């Protein structure tokens, strides 16, 4: 996956009640890269995700996926 990261991400599971996130910032080099994300509907919450975790398809997907109605 390319660096810098894509702007939109979908989490495989809810994080603080949200699954769709946007990139606020990103920093680091090599294995010490991380990405700061915020939920699309709440810019007051910010989470830091290691780049290696963000590249793990079982945890994150690049872009916003359409979720089933019971999860939206």
N, C-alpha and C. Protein backbone atom coordinates (compact mmCIF):
# COMPACT_ATOMS: atom_id res chain seq x y z
N UNK A 1 0.85 -1.17 0.00
CA UNK A 1 0.00 0.00 0.00
C UNK A 1 0.90 1.24 0.00
N UNK A 2 0.44 2.25 -0.65
CA UNK A 2 1.28 3.43 -0.86
C UNK A 2 1.25 4.40 0.33
N UNK A 3 2.29 5.14 0.44
CA UNK A 3 2.41 6.21 1.44
C UNK A 3 2.56 7.50 0.69
N UNK A 4 1.88 8.59 0.96
CA UNK A 4 0.99 8.79 2.09
C UNK A 4 -0.33 8.03 1.93
N UNK A 5 -1.03 7.82 3.04
CA UNK A 5 -2.26 7.02 3.02
C UNK A 5 -3.40 7.72 2.30
N UNK A 6 -4.36 6.90 1.84
CA UNK A 6 -5.59 7.45 1.26
C UNK A 6 -6.33 8.24 2.33
N UNK A 7 -7.19 9.13 1.90
CA UNK A 7 -7.89 10.03 2.83
C UNK A 7 -9.05 9.35 3.58
N UNK A 8 -9.70 8.36 3.00
CA UNK A 8 -10.88 7.74 3.59
C UNK A 8 -10.61 6.27 3.96
N UNK A 9 -11.13 5.87 5.14
CA UNK A 9 -10.93 4.50 5.62
C UNK A 9 -12.19 3.98 6.30
N UNK A 10 -12.41 2.66 6.21
CA UNK A 10 -13.50 2.00 6.91
C UNK A 10 -12.90 0.96 7.85
N UNK A 11 -13.28 1.02 9.11
CA UNK A 11 -12.82 0.06 10.10
C UNK A 11 -13.69 -1.20 10.03
N UNK A 12 -13.08 -2.36 10.21
CA UNK A 12 -13.82 -3.62 10.20
C UNK A 12 -14.76 -3.73 11.40
N UNK A 13 -14.43 -3.03 12.47
CA UNK A 13 -15.29 -3.02 13.65
C UNK A 13 -15.43 -1.58 14.14
N UNK A 14 -16.46 -1.34 14.92
CA UNK A 14 -16.70 0.01 15.41
C UNK A 14 -15.59 0.45 16.37
N UNK A 15 -15.18 1.68 16.24
CA UNK A 15 -14.23 2.30 17.15
C UNK A 15 -14.92 3.54 17.71
N UNK A 16 -15.17 3.51 18.99
CA UNK A 16 -15.91 4.57 19.67
C UNK A 16 -17.24 4.86 18.97
N UNK A 17 -17.86 3.80 18.43
CA UNK A 17 -19.17 3.90 17.80
C UNK A 17 -19.14 4.25 16.32
N UNK A 18 -17.96 4.35 15.72
CA UNK A 18 -17.84 4.77 14.32
C UNK A 18 -17.05 3.75 13.49
N UNK A 19 -17.34 3.73 12.19
CA UNK A 19 -16.59 2.86 11.28
C UNK A 19 -15.96 3.61 10.12
N UNK A 20 -16.49 4.79 9.75
CA UNK A 20 -15.94 5.57 8.64
C UNK A 20 -15.07 6.71 9.17
N UNK A 21 -13.84 6.77 8.66
CA UNK A 21 -12.86 7.74 9.15
C UNK A 21 -12.18 8.47 8.01
N UNK A 22 -11.67 9.66 8.33
CA UNK A 22 -10.85 10.44 7.40
C UNK A 22 -9.50 10.70 8.05
N UNK A 23 -8.49 10.86 7.21
CA UNK A 23 -7.15 11.14 7.70
C UNK A 23 -7.04 12.62 8.09
N UNK A 24 -6.55 12.85 9.29
CA UNK A 24 -6.29 14.21 9.74
C UNK A 24 -4.83 14.56 9.47
N UNK A 25 -3.93 13.62 9.81
CA UNK A 25 -2.50 13.82 9.56
C UNK A 25 -1.81 12.46 9.55
N UNK A 26 -0.58 12.45 9.14
CA UNK A 26 0.23 11.23 9.15
C UNK A 26 1.68 11.63 9.31
N UNK A 27 2.43 10.78 10.00
CA UNK A 27 3.83 11.09 10.28
C UNK A 27 4.64 9.82 10.43
N UNK A 28 5.93 10.01 10.56
CA UNK A 28 6.84 8.91 10.83
C UNK A 28 7.57 8.44 9.59
N UNK A 29 8.50 7.52 9.84
CA UNK A 29 9.29 6.92 8.77
C UNK A 29 9.41 5.43 9.00
N UNK A 30 9.49 4.69 7.91
CA UNK A 30 9.67 3.24 8.01
C UNK A 30 8.60 2.57 8.83
N UNK A 31 9.03 1.73 9.77
CA UNK A 31 8.09 1.00 10.62
C UNK A 31 7.44 1.87 11.70
N UNK A 32 7.90 3.09 11.86
CA UNK A 32 7.35 3.99 12.88
C UNK A 32 6.32 4.96 12.31
N UNK A 33 5.72 4.64 11.20
CA UNK A 33 4.68 5.50 10.62
C UNK A 33 3.36 5.30 11.35
N UNK A 34 2.59 6.36 11.46
CA UNK A 34 1.26 6.29 12.05
C UNK A 34 0.36 7.30 11.35
N UNK A 35 -0.93 7.07 11.50
CA UNK A 35 -1.94 7.91 10.85
C UNK A 35 -2.94 8.35 11.90
N UNK A 36 -3.25 9.64 11.90
CA UNK A 36 -4.25 10.21 12.81
C UNK A 36 -5.57 10.28 12.05
N UNK A 37 -6.59 9.63 12.59
CA UNK A 37 -7.90 9.56 11.93
C UNK A 37 -8.98 10.17 12.82
N UNK A 38 -10.04 10.65 12.17
CA UNK A 38 -11.21 11.11 12.92
C UNK A 38 -12.46 10.58 12.23
N UNK A 39 -13.51 10.27 13.02
CA UNK A 39 -14.76 9.80 12.42
C UNK A 39 -15.37 10.88 11.54
N UNK A 40 -15.96 10.48 10.44
CA UNK A 40 -16.56 11.42 9.50
C UNK A 40 -17.62 12.29 10.18
N UNK A 41 -18.37 11.70 11.11
CA UNK A 41 -19.47 12.42 11.76
C UNK A 41 -19.09 13.11 13.07
N UNK A 42 -17.81 13.05 13.45
CA UNK A 42 -17.41 13.65 14.73
C UNK A 42 -15.92 14.01 14.69
N UNK A 43 -15.63 15.22 14.31
CA UNK A 43 -14.23 15.63 14.17
C UNK A 43 -13.55 15.92 15.49
N UNK A 44 -14.29 15.79 16.60
CA UNK A 44 -13.69 16.00 17.92
C UNK A 44 -12.95 14.77 18.42
N UNK A 45 -13.29 13.60 17.91
CA UNK A 45 -12.61 12.36 18.29
C UNK A 45 -11.45 12.14 17.32
N UNK A 46 -10.28 11.83 17.86
CA UNK A 46 -9.12 11.56 17.04
C UNK A 46 -8.44 10.29 17.56
N UNK A 47 -8.11 9.38 16.64
CA UNK A 47 -7.41 8.16 17.02
C UNK A 47 -6.11 8.07 16.23
N UNK A 48 -5.11 7.48 16.83
CA UNK A 48 -3.84 7.23 16.16
C UNK A 48 -3.75 5.75 15.83
N UNK A 49 -3.47 5.45 14.57
CA UNK A 49 -3.39 4.06 14.13
C UNK A 49 -2.02 3.83 13.50
N UNK A 50 -1.29 2.81 13.97
CA UNK A 50 -0.02 2.50 13.33
C UNK A 50 -0.24 2.12 11.86
N UNK A 51 0.65 2.55 11.00
CA UNK A 51 0.53 2.29 9.56
C UNK A 51 0.43 0.80 9.29
N UNK A 52 1.18 -0.02 10.01
CA UNK A 52 1.11 -1.48 9.80
C UNK A 52 -0.28 -2.02 10.08
N UNK A 53 -0.96 -1.47 11.08
CA UNK A 53 -2.33 -1.91 11.38
C UNK A 53 -3.30 -1.44 10.31
N UNK A 54 -3.13 -0.23 9.83
CA UNK A 54 -4.02 0.32 8.80
C UNK A 54 -3.93 -0.49 7.51
N UNK A 55 -2.78 -1.09 7.24
CA UNK A 55 -2.58 -1.90 6.04
C UNK A 55 -3.16 -3.30 6.18
N UNK A 56 -3.64 -3.66 7.37
CA UNK A 56 -4.19 -4.99 7.62
C UNK A 56 -5.65 -5.03 7.18
N UNK A 57 -5.93 -5.77 6.09
CA UNK A 57 -7.28 -5.76 5.50
C UNK A 57 -8.35 -6.28 6.47
N UNK A 58 -7.98 -7.17 7.38
CA UNK A 58 -8.98 -7.68 8.32
C UNK A 58 -9.40 -6.63 9.35
N UNK A 59 -8.63 -5.52 9.44
CA UNK A 59 -8.96 -4.44 10.38
C UNK A 59 -9.44 -3.17 9.68
N UNK A 60 -8.87 -2.85 8.52
CA UNK A 60 -9.17 -1.60 7.83
C UNK A 60 -9.27 -1.82 6.32
N UNK A 61 -10.13 -1.02 5.69
CA UNK A 61 -10.24 -1.02 4.23
C UNK A 61 -10.12 0.43 3.75
N UNK A 62 -9.30 0.62 2.75
CA UNK A 62 -9.15 1.95 2.16
C UNK A 62 -10.45 2.35 1.48
N UNK A 63 -10.93 3.56 1.74
CA UNK A 63 -12.19 4.04 1.18
C UNK A 63 -13.33 3.80 2.15
N UNK A 64 -14.50 4.26 1.77
CA UNK A 64 -15.69 4.07 2.61
C UNK A 64 -16.54 2.98 1.99
N UNK A 65 -16.74 1.91 2.74
CA UNK A 65 -17.58 0.82 2.30
C UNK A 65 -19.02 1.08 2.71
N UNK A 66 -19.95 0.69 1.86
CA UNK A 66 -21.35 0.79 2.24
C UNK A 66 -21.64 -0.32 3.24
N UNK A 67 -22.18 0.03 4.37
CA UNK A 67 -22.45 -0.93 5.44
C UNK A 67 -23.89 -1.38 5.41
N UNK A 68 -24.16 -2.60 5.91
CA UNK A 68 -25.55 -3.04 6.03
C UNK A 68 -26.35 -2.08 6.89
N UNK A 69 -27.65 -1.97 6.65
CA UNK A 69 -28.49 -0.98 7.35
C UNK A 69 -28.37 -1.06 8.86
N UNK A 70 -28.29 -2.26 9.43
CA UNK A 70 -28.22 -2.37 10.88
C UNK A 70 -26.90 -1.85 11.44
N UNK A 71 -25.89 -1.61 10.60
CA UNK A 71 -24.61 -1.10 11.08
C UNK A 71 -24.38 0.35 10.75
N UNK A 72 -25.26 1.01 10.02
CA UNK A 72 -25.05 2.39 9.64
C UNK A 72 -25.49 3.34 10.72
